[in-house]
C-alpha atoms as a PDB file:
ATOM      1  CA  MET A   1       0.000   0.000   0.000  1.00  0.00           C
ATOM      2  CA  ASP A   2       2.862   2.409   0.753  1.00  0.00           C
ATOM      3  CA  GLN A   3       4.832   1.689  -2.413  1.00  0.00           C
ATOM      4  CA  THR A   4       5.595   4.745  -4.550  1.00  0.00           C
ATOM      5  CA  ILE A   5       3.762   4.578  -7.878  1.00  0.00           C
ATOM      6  CA  LEU A   6       4.490   8.098  -9.178  1.00  0.00           C
ATOM      7  CA  GLU A   7       7.322  10.463  -8.321  1.00  0.00           C
ATOM      8  CA  VAL A   8       8.003  13.925  -9.726  1.00  0.00           C
ATOM      9  CA  GLN A   9      11.561  15.201  -9.293  1.00  0.00           C
ATOM     10  CA  ASP A  10      12.655  18.816  -9.844  1.00  0.00           C
ATOM     11  CA  LEU A  11      10.173  19.308 -12.703  1.00  0.00           C
ATOM     12  CA  ARG A  12      10.469  22.636 -14.550  1.00  0.00           C
ATOM     13  CA  ILE A  13       8.076  23.576 -17.357  1.00  0.00           C
ATOM     14  CA  HIS A  14       8.367  26.890 -19.195  1.00  0.00           C
ATOM     15  CA  PHE A  15       6.242  28.444 -21.955  1.00  0.00           C
ATOM     16  CA  GLU A  16       8.240  30.453 -24.465  1.00  0.00           C
ATOM     17  CA  LEU A  17       5.887  33.085 -25.867  1.00  0.00           C
ATOM     18  CA  ARG A  18       6.326  36.260 -27.907  1.00  0.00           C
ATOM     19  CA  GLU A  19       5.977  38.370 -24.760  1.00  0.00           C
ATOM     20  CA  GLY A  20       8.621  36.380 -22.910  1.00  0.00           C
ATOM     21  CA  THR A  21       9.115  33.123 -21.020  1.00  0.00           C
ATOM     22  CA  VAL A  22       6.513  32.024 -18.489  1.00  0.00           C
ATOM     23  CA  LYS A  23       8.153  29.894 -15.794  1.00  0.00           C
ATOM     24  CA  ALA A  24       5.036  27.874 -15.017  1.00  0.00           C
ATOM     25  CA  LEU A  25       6.707  25.169 -12.897  1.00  0.00           C
ATOM     26  CA  ASN A  26       9.948  25.750 -11.041  1.00  0.00           C
ATOM     27  CA  GLY A  27      11.298  22.631  -9.390  1.00  0.00           C
ATOM     28  CA  ILE A  28       8.314  20.478  -8.389  1.00  0.00           C
ATOM     29  CA  ASP A  29       8.937  17.445  -6.158  1.00  0.00           C
ATOM     30  CA  LEU A  30       6.015  15.146  -5.325  1.00  0.00           C
ATOM     31  CA  VAL A  31       5.375  11.526  -4.412  1.00  0.00           C
ATOM     32  CA  LEU A  32       2.142   9.563  -4.913  1.00  0.00           C
ATOM     33  CA  LYS A  33       1.771   6.254  -3.075  1.00  0.00           C
ATOM     34  CA  GLU A  34      -0.205   3.227  -4.274  1.00  0.00           C
ATOM     35  CA  GLY A  35      -3.866   3.386  -3.324  1.00  0.00           C
ATOM     36  CA  ARG A  36      -3.556   6.905  -1.906  1.00  0.00           C
ATOM     37  CA  THR A  37      -4.933  10.305  -2.876  1.00  0.00           C
ATOM     38  CA  LEU A  38      -2.662  13.346  -3.132  1.00  0.00           C
ATOM     39  CA  GLY A  39      -4.491  16.668  -3.141  1.00  0.00           C
ATOM     40  CA  LEU A  40      -2.979  19.563  -5.089  1.00  0.00           C
ATOM     41  CA  VAL A  41      -4.336  22.950  -3.987  1.00  0.00           C
ATOM     42  CA  GLY A  42      -3.653  26.598  -4.738  1.00  0.00           C
ATOM     43  CA  GLU A  43      -5.042  29.629  -6.529  1.00  0.00           C
ATOM     44  CA  THR A  44      -5.698  29.751 -10.251  1.00  0.00           C
ATOM     45  CA  GLY A  45      -2.367  30.068 -12.051  1.00  0.00           C
ATOM     46  CA  ALA A  46      -0.363  28.186  -9.423  1.00  0.00           C
ATOM     47  CA  GLY A  47       0.619  25.527 -11.977  1.00  0.00           C
ATOM     48  CA  LYS A  48      -1.657  22.665 -10.925  1.00  0.00           C
ATOM     49  CA  THR A  49      -3.076  21.877 -14.376  1.00  0.00           C
ATOM     50  CA  THR A  50       0.328  22.441 -16.005  1.00  0.00           C
ATOM     51  CA  LEU A  51       1.719  19.738 -13.711  1.00  0.00           C
ATOM     52  CA  ALA A  52      -1.131  17.353 -14.537  1.00  0.00           C
ATOM     53  CA  LYS A  53      -0.691  17.818 -18.285  1.00  0.00           C
ATOM     54  CA  GLY A  54       3.062  17.419 -17.892  1.00  0.00           C
ATOM     55  CA  ILE A  55       2.528  14.029 -16.240  1.00  0.00           C
ATOM     56  CA  MET A  56       0.155  13.008 -19.039  1.00  0.00           C
ATOM     57  CA  GLY A  57       2.597  14.117 -21.745  1.00  0.00           C
ATOM     58  CA  LEU A  58       0.182  16.818 -22.889  1.00  0.00           C
ATOM     59  CA  THR A  59       2.306  19.927 -22.416  1.00  0.00           C
ATOM     60  CA  ALA A  60       1.238  22.375 -25.153  1.00  0.00           C
ATOM     61  CA  LYS A  61       3.769  22.441 -27.984  1.00  0.00           C
ATOM     62  CA  PRO A  62       5.708  24.126 -29.485  1.00  0.00           C
ATOM     63  CA  TYR A  63       5.503  26.777 -26.764  1.00  0.00           C
ATOM     64  CA  GLY A  64       5.615  24.537 -23.704  1.00  0.00           C
ATOM     65  CA  LYS A  65       8.975  22.991 -22.903  1.00  0.00           C
ATOM     66  CA  ILE A  66      10.038  20.671 -20.100  1.00  0.00           C
ATOM     67  CA  LYS A  67      13.350  22.208 -19.077  1.00  0.00           C
ATOM     68  CA  SER A  68      14.444  19.643 -16.524  1.00  0.00           C
ATOM     69  CA  GLY A  69      13.306  17.002 -14.084  1.00  0.00           C
ATOM     70  CA  LYS A  70      11.918  13.483 -14.040  1.00  0.00           C
ATOM     71  CA  ILE A  71       8.433  11.972 -13.918  1.00  0.00           C
ATOM     72  CA  LEU A  72       8.831   8.424 -12.661  1.00  0.00           C
ATOM     73  CA  TYR A  73       5.963   5.969 -13.100  1.00  0.00           C
ATOM     74  CA  GLU A  74       6.785   2.689 -11.349  1.00  0.00           C
ATOM     75  CA  GLY A  75      10.430   3.747 -11.553  1.00  0.00           C
ATOM     76  CA  LYS A  76      10.409   4.497 -15.302  1.00  0.00           C
ATOM     77  CA  ASN A  77      10.926   8.059 -16.504  1.00  0.00           C
ATOM     78  CA  LEU A  78       7.957   9.101 -18.666  1.00  0.00           C
ATOM     79  CA  LEU A  79       9.997  11.959 -20.146  1.00  0.00           C
ATOM     80  CA  GLU A  80      12.340   9.452 -21.803  1.00  0.00           C
ATOM     81  CA  MET A  81       9.553   7.485 -23.518  1.00  0.00           C
ATOM     82  CA  ASP A  82       8.635   7.832 -27.183  1.00  0.00           C
ATOM     83  CA  LYS A  83       5.115   8.679 -28.398  1.00  0.00           C
ATOM     84  CA  LYS A  84       4.115   5.034 -28.832  1.00  0.00           C
ATOM     85  CA  GLN A  85       5.151   4.151 -25.287  1.00  0.00           C
ATOM     86  CA  LEU A  86       3.373   7.217 -23.894  1.00  0.00           C
ATOM     87  CA  ARG A  87       0.142   6.338 -25.717  1.00  0.00           C
ATOM     88  CA  ARG A  88       0.216   2.928 -24.074  1.00  0.00           C
ATOM     89  CA  ILE A  89       0.723   4.475 -20.631  1.00  0.00           C
ATOM     90  CA  ARG A  90      -1.882   7.214 -21.157  1.00  0.00           C
ATOM     91  CA  GLY A  91      -5.368   5.840 -20.554  1.00  0.00           C
ATOM     92  CA  GLU A  92      -4.310   2.309 -19.708  1.00  0.00           C
ATOM     93  CA  HIS A  93      -2.029   3.137 -16.760  1.00  0.00           C
ATOM     94  CA  ILE A  94      -2.578   6.843 -16.100  1.00  0.00           C
ATOM     95  CA  SER A  95      -5.870   8.518 -16.942  1.00  0.00           C
ATOM     96  CA  MET A  96      -7.240  12.030 -16.485  1.00  0.00           C
ATOM     97  CA  ILE A  97     -10.571  13.689 -15.782  1.00  0.00           C
ATOM     98  CA  PHE A  98     -10.387  17.133 -17.374  1.00  0.00           C
ATOM     99  CA  GLN A  99     -11.982  20.281 -15.967  1.00  0.00           C
ATOM    100  CA  ASP A 100     -14.819  20.802 -18.428  1.00  0.00           C
ATOM    101  CA  PRO A 101     -16.882  17.789 -19.558  1.00  0.00           C
ATOM    102  CA  MET A 102     -18.423  19.909 -22.332  1.00  0.00           C
ATOM    103  CA  THR A 103     -15.069  20.138 -24.127  1.00  0.00           C
ATOM    104  CA  SER A 104     -13.950  16.617 -23.184  1.00  0.00           C
ATOM    105  CA  LEU A 105     -16.757  14.813 -24.994  1.00  0.00           C
ATOM    106  CA  ASN A 106     -17.257  14.452 -28.752  1.00  0.00           C
ATOM    107  CA  PRO A 107     -20.663  15.990 -29.573  1.00  0.00           C
ATOM    108  CA  VAL A 108     -21.222  13.787 -32.650  1.00  0.00           C
ATOM    109  CA  MET A 109     -20.539  10.413 -30.989  1.00  0.00           C
ATOM    110  CA  THR A 110     -22.822   8.587 -28.600  1.00  0.00           C
ATOM    111  CA  VAL A 111     -21.468   8.315 -25.056  1.00  0.00           C
ATOM    112  CA  GLY A 112     -21.420   4.527 -25.339  1.00  0.00           C
ATOM    113  CA  ASP A 113     -19.257   4.686 -28.461  1.00  0.00           C
ATOM    114  CA  GLN A 114     -16.874   7.127 -26.766  1.00  0.00           C
ATOM    115  CA  ILE A 115     -16.357   4.785 -23.822  1.00  0.00           C
ATOM    116  CA  ALA A 116     -15.988   1.792 -26.151  1.00  0.00           C
ATOM    117  CA  GLU A 117     -13.423   3.689 -28.232  1.00  0.00           C
ATOM    118  CA  ALA A 118     -11.322   4.325 -25.116  1.00  0.00           C
ATOM    119  CA  ILE A 119     -11.480   0.610 -24.314  1.00  0.00           C
ATOM    120  CA  ARG A 120     -10.527  -0.550 -27.825  1.00  0.00           C
ATOM    121  CA  ASN A 121      -7.588   1.872 -27.948  1.00  0.00           C
ATOM    122  CA  HIS A 122      -5.901  -0.233 -25.262  1.00  0.00           C
ATOM    123  CA  ASP A 123      -7.673  -3.612 -25.071  1.00  0.00           C
ATOM    124  CA  LYS A 124      -7.842  -6.029 -27.990  1.00  0.00           C
ATOM    125  CA  LEU A 125     -11.606  -6.474 -27.837  1.00  0.00           C
ATOM    126  CA  SER A 126     -14.171  -6.802 -30.591  1.00  0.00           C
ATOM    127  CA  ARG A 127     -16.641  -3.952 -31.083  1.00  0.00           C
ATOM    128  CA  ARG A 128     -19.343  -6.071 -29.491  1.00  0.00           C
ATOM    129  CA  ASP A 129     -17.302  -6.898 -26.391  1.00  0.00           C
ATOM    130  CA  ALA A 130     -16.131  -3.283 -26.040  1.00  0.00           C
ATOM    131  CA  ALA A 131     -19.742  -2.081 -26.242  1.00  0.00           C
ATOM    132  CA  LYS A 132     -20.735  -4.601 -23.567  1.00  0.00           C
ATOM    133  CA  LYS A 133     -17.940  -3.418 -21.285  1.00  0.00           C
ATOM    134  CA  ALA A 134     -18.910   0.219 -21.933  1.00  0.00           C
ATOM    135  CA  ALA A 135     -22.471  -0.564 -20.845  1.00  0.00           C
ATOM    136  CA  GLU A 136     -21.156  -2.107 -17.619  1.00  0.00           C
ATOM    137  CA  ILE A 137     -19.022   0.961 -16.891  1.00  0.00           C
ATOM    138  CA  LEU A 138     -21.988   3.276 -17.475  1.00  0.00           C
ATOM    139  CA  GLU A 139     -23.908   1.344 -14.837  1.00  0.00           C
ATOM    140  CA  LEU A 140     -20.938   1.666 -12.465  1.00  0.00           C
ATOM    141  CA  VAL A 141     -21.057   5.460 -12.659  1.00  0.00           C
ATOM    142  CA  GLY A 142     -24.815   5.571 -12.114  1.00  0.00           C
ATOM    143  CA  ILE A 143     -26.041   5.920 -15.702  1.00  0.00           C
ATOM    144  CA  PRO A 144     -28.494   3.337 -17.120  1.00  0.00           C
ATOM    145  CA  SER A 145     -26.769   1.393 -19.888  1.00  0.00           C
ATOM    146  CA  SER A 146     -29.772   2.121 -22.139  1.00  0.00           C
ATOM    147  CA  ARG A 147     -28.572   5.740 -22.334  1.00  0.00           C
ATOM    148  CA  GLY A 148     -25.348   4.680 -24.036  1.00  0.00           C
ATOM    149  CA  SER A 149     -26.975   5.377 -27.409  1.00  0.00           C
ATOM    150  CA  GLU A 150     -27.560   9.037 -26.509  1.00  0.00           C
ATOM    151  CA  TYR A 151     -25.371  12.040 -27.309  1.00  0.00           C
ATOM    152  CA  PRO A 152     -23.627  14.406 -24.833  1.00  0.00           C
ATOM    153  CA  HIS A 153     -26.137  17.245 -25.389  1.00  0.00           C
ATOM    154  CA  GLN A 154     -28.879  14.981 -24.009  1.00  0.00           C
ATOM    155  CA  PHE A 155     -27.171  14.803 -20.598  1.00  0.00           C
ATOM    156  CA  SER A 156     -27.097  17.255 -17.707  1.00  0.00           C
ATOM    157  CA  GLY A 157     -23.794  18.697 -16.454  1.00  0.00           C
ATOM    158  CA  GLY A 158     -23.554  16.147 -13.650  1.00  0.00           C
ATOM    159  CA  MET A 159     -24.326  13.273 -16.011  1.00  0.00           C
ATOM    160  CA  LYS A 160     -21.717  14.504 -18.509  1.00  0.00           C
ATOM    161  CA  GLN A 161     -19.149  14.453 -15.713  1.00  0.00           C
ATOM    162  CA  ARG A 162     -20.125  10.866 -14.927  1.00  0.00           C
ATOM    163  CA  VAL A 163     -19.531   9.955 -18.580  1.00  0.00           C
ATOM    164  CA  VAL A 164     -16.086  11.598 -18.485  1.00  0.00           C
ATOM    165  CA  ILE A 165     -15.268   9.611 -15.338  1.00  0.00           C
ATOM    166  CA  ALA A 166     -16.463   6.422 -17.048  1.00  0.00           C
ATOM    167  CA  ILE A 167     -14.085   7.066 -19.970  1.00  0.00           C
ATOM    168  CA  ALA A 168     -11.206   7.757 -17.562  1.00  0.00           C
ATOM    169  CA  LEU A 169     -11.826   4.495 -15.699  1.00  0.00           C
ATOM    170  CA  ALA A 170     -12.592   2.411 -18.803  1.00  0.00           C
ATOM    171  CA  CYS A 171      -9.221   0.636 -18.781  1.00  0.00           C
ATOM    172  CA  ASN A 172      -8.893   0.407 -14.994  1.00  0.00           C
ATOM    173  CA  PRO A 173      -5.855   2.734 -14.742  1.00  0.00           C
ATOM    174  CA  LYS A 174      -3.464   2.573 -11.820  1.00  0.00           C
ATOM    175  CA  ILE A 175      -3.428   6.387 -11.493  1.00  0.00           C
ATOM    176  CA  LEU A 176      -6.345   8.777 -11.926  1.00  0.00           C
ATOM    177  CA  ILE A 177      -5.656  12.501 -12.286  1.00  0.00           C
ATOM    178  CA  ALA A 178      -8.808  14.477 -11.463  1.00  0.00           C
ATOM    179  CA  ASP A 179      -8.489  18.137 -12.486  1.00  0.00           C
ATOM    180  CA  GLU A 180     -11.257  20.146 -10.776  1.00  0.00           C
ATOM    181  CA  PRO A 181     -13.751  17.277 -11.275  1.00  0.00           C
ATOM    182  CA  THR A 182     -16.695  19.204  -9.782  1.00  0.00           C
ATOM    183  CA  THR A 183     -16.233  22.588 -11.484  1.00  0.00           C
ATOM    184  CA  ALA A 184     -19.507  24.317 -12.468  1.00  0.00           C
ATOM    185  CA  LEU A 185     -21.668  21.717 -10.685  1.00  0.00           C
ATOM    186  CA  ASP A 186     -24.104  22.634  -7.920  1.00  0.00           C
ATOM    187  CA  VAL A 187     -23.287  21.617  -4.356  1.00  0.00           C
ATOM    188  CA  THR A 188     -25.571  18.567  -4.260  1.00  0.00           C
ATOM    189  CA  ILE A 189     -24.214  17.168  -7.531  1.00  0.00           C
ATOM    190  CA  GLN A 190     -20.645  17.938  -6.397  1.00  0.00           C
ATOM    191  CA  ALA A 191     -21.127  15.781  -3.314  1.00  0.00           C
ATOM    192  CA  GLN A 192     -22.543  12.926  -5.406  1.00  0.00           C
ATOM    193  CA  ILE A 193     -19.665  13.052  -7.910  1.00  0.00           C
ATOM    194  CA  LEU A 194     -17.012  13.146  -5.170  1.00  0.00           C
ATOM    195  CA  GLU A 195     -18.620  10.233  -3.338  1.00  0.00           C
ATOM    196  CA  MET A 196     -18.761   8.254  -6.573  1.00  0.00           C
ATOM    197  CA  ILE A 197     -15.098   8.984  -7.385  1.00  0.00           C
ATOM    198  CA  ARG A 198     -14.049   7.898  -3.912  1.00  0.00           C
ATOM    199  CA  ASP A 199     -16.080   4.668  -4.095  1.00  0.00           C
ATOM    200  CA  LEU A 200     -14.731   3.807  -7.550  1.00  0.00           C
ATOM    201  CA  ARG A 201     -11.150   4.624  -6.495  1.00  0.00           C
ATOM    202  CA  GLU A 202     -11.460   2.231  -3.568  1.00  0.00           C
ATOM    203  CA  ARG A 203     -13.134  -0.420  -5.705  1.00  0.00           C
ATOM    204  CA  PHE A 204     -10.423  -0.363  -8.384  1.00  0.00           C
ATOM    205  CA  ARG A 205      -7.613   0.412  -5.882  1.00  0.00           C
ATOM    206  CA  THR A 206      -6.617   3.405  -7.971  1.00  0.00           C
ATOM    207  CA  SER A 207      -4.118   6.034  -6.825  1.00  0.00           C
ATOM    208  CA  MET A 208      -5.355   9.579  -7.410  1.00  0.00           C
ATOM    209  CA  LEU A 209      -3.922  13.048  -7.936  1.00  0.00           C
ATOM    210  CA  LEU A 210      -6.787  15.403  -7.058  1.00  0.00           C
ATOM    211  CA  ILE A 211      -6.447  18.993  -8.285  1.00  0.00           C
ATOM    212  CA  THR A 212      -8.713  21.625  -6.775  1.00  0.00           C
ATOM    213  CA  HIS A 213      -8.874  25.086  -5.266  1.00  0.00           C
ATOM    214  CA  ASP A 214     -11.527  23.867  -2.803  1.00  0.00           C
ATOM    215  CA  LEU A 215      -9.953  22.938   0.529  1.00  0.00           C
ATOM    216  CA  GLY A 216     -13.220  21.349   1.629  1.00  0.00           C
ATOM    217  CA  VAL A 217     -12.870  18.817  -1.192  1.00  0.00           C
ATOM    218  CA  VAL A 218      -9.307  17.815  -0.289  1.00  0.00           C
ATOM    219  CA  ALA A 219     -10.237  17.609   3.396  1.00  0.00           C
ATOM    220  CA  LYS A 220     -12.754  14.922   2.464  1.00  0.00           C
ATOM    221  CA  MET A 221     -10.781  13.106  -0.223  1.00  0.00           C
ATOM    222  CA  ALA A 222      -6.996  13.415   0.229  1.00  0.00           C
ATOM    223  CA  ASP A 223      -4.481  11.484   2.324  1.00  0.00           C
ATOM    224  CA  ARG A 224      -1.697  13.978   1.596  1.00  0.00           C
ATOM    225  CA  ILE A 225      -1.757  17.581   0.374  1.00  0.00           C
ATOM    226  CA  ALA A 226       0.667  19.715  -1.624  1.00  0.00           C
ATOM    227  CA  VAL A 227       0.048  23.478  -1.530  1.00  0.00           C
ATOM    228  CA  MET A 228       1.236  25.171  -4.727  1.00  0.00           C
ATOM    229  CA  TYR A 229       2.042  28.833  -5.298  1.00  0.00           C
ATOM    230  CA  ALA A 230       3.613  30.443  -8.376  1.00  0.00           C
ATOM    231  CA  GLY A 231       4.887  27.167  -9.810  1.00  0.00           C
ATOM    232  CA  LYS A 232       6.326  25.753  -6.594  1.00  0.00           C
ATOM    233  CA  VAL A 233       5.173  23.511  -3.762  1.00  0.00           C
ATOM    234  CA  VAL A 234       5.330  25.694  -0.640  1.00  0.00           C
ATOM    235  CA  GLU A 235       3.923  23.167   1.844  1.00  0.00           C
ATOM    236  CA  TYR A 236       3.603  19.396   1.683  1.00  0.00           C
ATOM    237  CA  GLY A 237       2.409  16.822   4.195  1.00  0.00           C
ATOM    238  CA  ASP A 238      -0.384  14.603   5.475  1.00  0.00           C
ATOM    239  CA  ALA A 239      -3.852  16.131   5.229  1.00  0.00           C
ATOM    240  CA  ARG A 240      -4.162  16.334   9.013  1.00  0.00           C
ATOM    241  CA  GLN A 241      -0.807  18.134   9.278  1.00  0.00           C
ATOM    242  CA  ILE A 242      -1.800  20.731   6.676  1.00  0.00           C
ATOM    243  CA  PHE A 243      -5.194  21.432   8.239  1.00  0.00           C
ATOM    244  CA  TYR A 244      -4.252  21.312  11.906  1.00  0.00           C
ATOM    245  CA  ASN A 245      -0.628  22.411  11.920  1.00  0.00           C
ATOM    246  CA  PRO A 246       0.050  24.604   8.846  1.00  0.00           C
ATOM    247  CA  CYS A 247       3.430  26.311   8.694  1.00  0.00           C
ATOM    248  CA  HIS A 248       3.332  28.561   5.609  1.00  0.00           C
ATOM    249  CA  PRO A 249       1.588  31.985   5.600  1.00  0.00           C
ATOM    250  CA  TYR A 250       0.031  31.179   2.213  1.00  0.00           C
ATOM    251  CA  THR A 251      -1.578  28.057   3.680  1.00  0.00           C
ATOM    252  CA  TRP A 252      -2.756  30.165   6.634  1.00  0.00           C
ATOM    253  CA  GLY A 253      -4.421  32.502   4.158  1.00  0.00           C
ATOM    254  CA  LEU A 254      -6.166  29.670   2.305  1.00  0.00           C
ATOM    255  CA  LEU A 255      -7.417  28.154   5.558  1.00  0.00           C
ATOM    256  CA  GLY A 256      -8.413  31.531   6.974  1.00  0.00           C
ATOM    257  CA  ALA A 257     -10.567  32.161   3.901  1.00  0.00           C
ATOM    258  CA  MET A 258     -12.599  28.994   4.529  1.00  0.00           C
ATOM    259  CA  PRO A 259     -15.998  29.500   6.184  1.00  0.00           C
ATOM    260  CA  ASN A 260     -16.352  27.542   9.438  1.00  0.00           C
ATOM    261  CA  LEU A 261     -19.832  26.066   9.736  1.00  0.00           C
ATOM    262  CA  ILE A 262     -19.258  24.766  13.260  1.00  0.00           C
ATOM    263  CA  GLN A 263     -17.923  27.760  15.159  1.00  0.00           C
ATOM    264  CA  GLU A 264     -19.836  30.999  15.533  1.00  0.00           C
ATOM    265  CA  VAL A 265     -18.711  33.575  12.975  1.00  0.00           C
ATOM    266  CA  LYS A 266     -17.104  36.445  14.899  1.00  0.00           C
ATOM    267  CA  SER A 267     -15.293  38.269  12.126  1.00  0.00           C
ATOM    268  CA  GLU A 268     -14.996  38.548   8.356  1.00  0.00           C
ATOM    269  CA  LEU A 269     -13.218  35.805   6.429  1.00  0.00           C
ATOM    270  CA  TYR A 270      -9.514  36.416   5.932  1.00  0.00           C
ATOM    271  CA  ALA A 271      -8.505  37.631   2.465  1.00  0.00           C
ATOM    272  CA  ILE A 272      -4.988  37.218   1.099  1.00  0.00           C
ATOM    273  CA  PRO A 273      -3.887  40.688  -0.062  1.00  0.00           C
ATOM    274  CA  GLY A 274      -2.578  41.385  -3.562  1.00  0.00           C
ATOM    275  CA  THR A 275      -2.347  39.071  -6.559  1.00  0.00           C
ATOM    276  CA  PRO A 276       0.012  36.246  -7.595  1.00  0.00           C
ATOM    277  CA  PRO A 277       3.326  37.345  -9.174  1.00  0.00           C
ATOM    278  CA  ASP A 278       3.942  37.781 -12.877  1.00  0.00           C
ATOM    279  CA  LEU A 279       5.578  34.523 -13.982  1.00  0.00           C
ATOM    280  CA  TYR A 280       7.136  36.306 -16.968  1.00  0.00           C
ATOM    281  CA  ALA A 281       9.442  37.930 -14.419  1.00  0.00           C
ATOM    282  CA  PRO A 282       9.297  36.016 -11.109  1.00  0.00           C
ATOM    283  CA  PRO A 283      10.470  38.054  -8.125  1.00  0.00           C
ATOM    284  CA  LYS A 284      13.824  37.446  -6.516  1.00  0.00           C
ATOM    285  CA  GLY A 285      13.417  35.657  -3.220  1.00  0.00           C
ATOM    286  CA  CYS A 286      10.143  34.181  -1.996  1.00  0.00           C
ATOM    287  CA  ALA A 287       7.366  34.509  -4.589  1.00  0.00           C
ATOM    288  CA  PHE A 288       4.800  35.114  -1.831  1.00  0.00           C
ATOM    289  CA  ALA A 289       6.775  37.878  -0.096  1.00  0.00           C
ATOM    290  CA  ALA A 290       4.904  40.784  -1.727  1.00  0.00           C
ATOM    291  CA  ARG A 291       1.587  39.475  -0.351  1.00  0.00           C
ATOM    292  CA  CYS A 292       2.866  38.191   2.983  1.00  0.00           C
ATOM    293  CA  PRO A 293       2.233  40.347   6.091  1.00  0.00           C
ATOM    294  CA  TYR A 294       5.122  38.569   7.822  1.00  0.00           C
ATOM    295  CA  ALA A 295       7.767  39.135   5.107  1.00  0.00           C
ATOM    296  CA  MET A 296      11.237  40.114   6.301  1.00  0.00           C
ATOM    297  CA  GLY A 297      14.537  40.964   4.658  1.00  0.00           C
ATOM    298  CA  ALA A 298      15.537  37.376   3.891  1.00  0.00           C
ATOM    299  CA  CYS A 299      12.250  36.808   2.036  1.00  0.00           C
ATOM    300  CA  LEU A 300      13.146  39.469  -0.535  1.00  0.00           C
ATOM    301  CA  LYS A 301      16.699  38.262  -1.124  1.00  0.00           C
ATOM    302  CA  ALA A 302      16.591  34.490  -1.512  1.00  0.00           C
ATOM    303  CA  ASP A 303      14.108  31.713  -2.181  1.00  0.00           C
ATOM    304  CA  PRO A 304      13.559  29.813   1.094  1.00  0.00           C
ATOM    305  CA  PRO A 305      14.807  26.233   1.367  1.00  0.00           C
ATOM    306  CA  GLU A 306      12.618  23.380   2.522  1.00  0.00           C
ATOM    307  CA  TYR A 307      12.185  23.223   6.286  1.00  0.00           C
ATOM    308  CA  THR A 308      10.865  20.303   8.304  1.00  0.00           C
ATOM    309  CA  CYS A 309       8.083  21.436  10.646  1.00  0.00           C
ATOM    310  CA  SER A 310       7.845  20.128  14.202  1.00  0.00           C
ATOM    311  CA  ASP A 311       5.420  17.376  13.120  1.00  0.00           C
ATOM    312  CA  GLY A 312       7.579  16.273  10.192  1.00  0.00           C
ATOM    313  CA  HIS A 313       5.892  17.842   7.161  1.00  0.00           C
ATOM    314  CA  ILE A 314       7.639  20.237   4.766  1.00  0.00           C
ATOM    315  CA  SER A 315       7.327  24.011   4.365  1.00  0.00           C
ATOM    316  CA  ARG A 316       9.279  26.486   2.237  1.00  0.00           C
ATOM    317  CA  CYS A 317       9.221  29.595   4.439  1.00  0.00           C
ATOM    318  CA  TRP A 318      11.911  31.662   6.156  1.00  0.00           C
ATOM    319  CA  LEU A 319       9.655  31.930   9.221  1.00  0.00           C
ATOM    320  CA  MET A 320      10.532  28.316   9.957  1.00  0.00           C
ATOM    321  CA  ASP A 321      14.151  29.295  10.477  1.00  0.00           C
ATOM    322  CA  LYS A 322      15.088  29.249  14.178  1.00  0.00           C
ATOM    323  CA  ARG A 323      16.391  32.792  13.856  1.00  0.00           C
ATOM    324  CA  ALA A 324      13.027  34.155  12.639  1.00  0.00           C
ATOM    325  CA  LYS A 325      10.723  36.130  14.882  1.00  0.00           C
ATOM    326  CA  GLU A 326       7.599  34.592  16.397  1.00  0.00           C
ATOM    327  CA  VAL A 327       4.436  35.555  14.496  1.00  0.00           C
ATOM    328  CA  THR A 328       0.714  35.029  14.948  1.00  0.00           C
ATOM    329  CA  PRO A 329      -1.393  33.704  12.042  1.00  0.00           C
ATOM    330  CA  PRO A 330      -4.923  34.970  11.256  1.00  0.00           C
ATOM    331  CA  ASP A 331      -7.788  34.117  13.626  1.00  0.00           C
ATOM    332  CA  GLY A 332      -8.932  30.523  13.370  1.00  0.00           C
ATOM    333  CA  VAL A 333      -5.640  29.207  11.980  1.00  0.00           C
ATOM    334  CA  PRO A 334      -3.369  27.111  14.264  1.00  0.00           C
ATOM    335  CA  THR A 335      -0.225  28.771  15.640  1.00  0.00           C
ATOM    336  CA  LEU A 336       3.074  28.330  13.803  1.00  0.00           C
ATOM    337  CA  PRO A 337       5.103  25.517  15.410  1.00  0.00           C
ATOM    338  CA  ARG A 338       8.620  26.558  16.271  1.00  0.00           C
ATOM    339  CA  GLY A 339      11.816  24.591  16.049  1.00  0.00           C
ATOM    340  CA  GLY A 340      11.778  23.932  12.319  1.00  0.00           C
ATOM    341  CA  LYS A 341      14.983  22.677  10.756  1.00  0.00           C
ATOM    342  CA  GLU A 342      16.237  22.842   7.199  1.00  0.00           C
ATOM    343  CA  HIS A 343      15.146  19.785   5.232  1.00  0.00           C
ATOM    344  CA  GLU A 344      18.002  17.646   3.966  1.00  0.00           C
END
């Protein structure tokens, strides 16, 4: 259960545009264990989808370029594989649920045919057997198999998302990447989709990379969480560590902005000041420094190293240095643990 199935090492992805170079990812390190869910959170533009597409071999070309790093699937570097090898991995071993089901589905093919096509791309099945398997998968995601002859426009938003999930799971992949799987769905449908994804993940023993900006979703779904900001992971640990013992001011801000439905509301929700940095010209030092109320001289001069918090999880923040001053996070966010040491 604790075997590593996917590991990202020092991944850097840049987009070379007419206006300049966008440094979308700058040294990402992540580990996904077998049968576990890793939640990837952060504001829009943090690099979450860029990372997902990089893993899938879908970095936009010719502008997007992987500058360095490794993406290891079961110990094999995906970046060293040719197109034929990647096609075999994509869908059969690693599959992805994209953000918008409207653009993920072919409007002129029935949903049953689209699922069957995904199956036949990887399994040597006859059309009849693939159609039978597609009908079974539709039932698994809560859609009557009789609706397999219908087209995407005949389905609601929640039902379209179920079809997309069915296609992603058609070949029983070992890793499922879910990129904002409940975007644009109402709260009730969101809960149903998340519950279904969790049940199917457990049934097929699939590892999952869950991308979202909704901390409530990762609290329910993830075993571990990576907090991303401006193309870097700024905090990384078990879900309980991130929620109950956060170390980075950016994570404090995200948690402080969450409504608490249990405690009485005594003040306005915390708002992180400012906007994310321009990745055409990333700032020297910590990328969050311009928005951080606790920034000090070191934050403006050098990018912080990884520090190990008192409970063992990782944070990239100069406040974790033993020489830093004691600070108080926003109301409702746990106090910064002291005694951090530089991660080796």
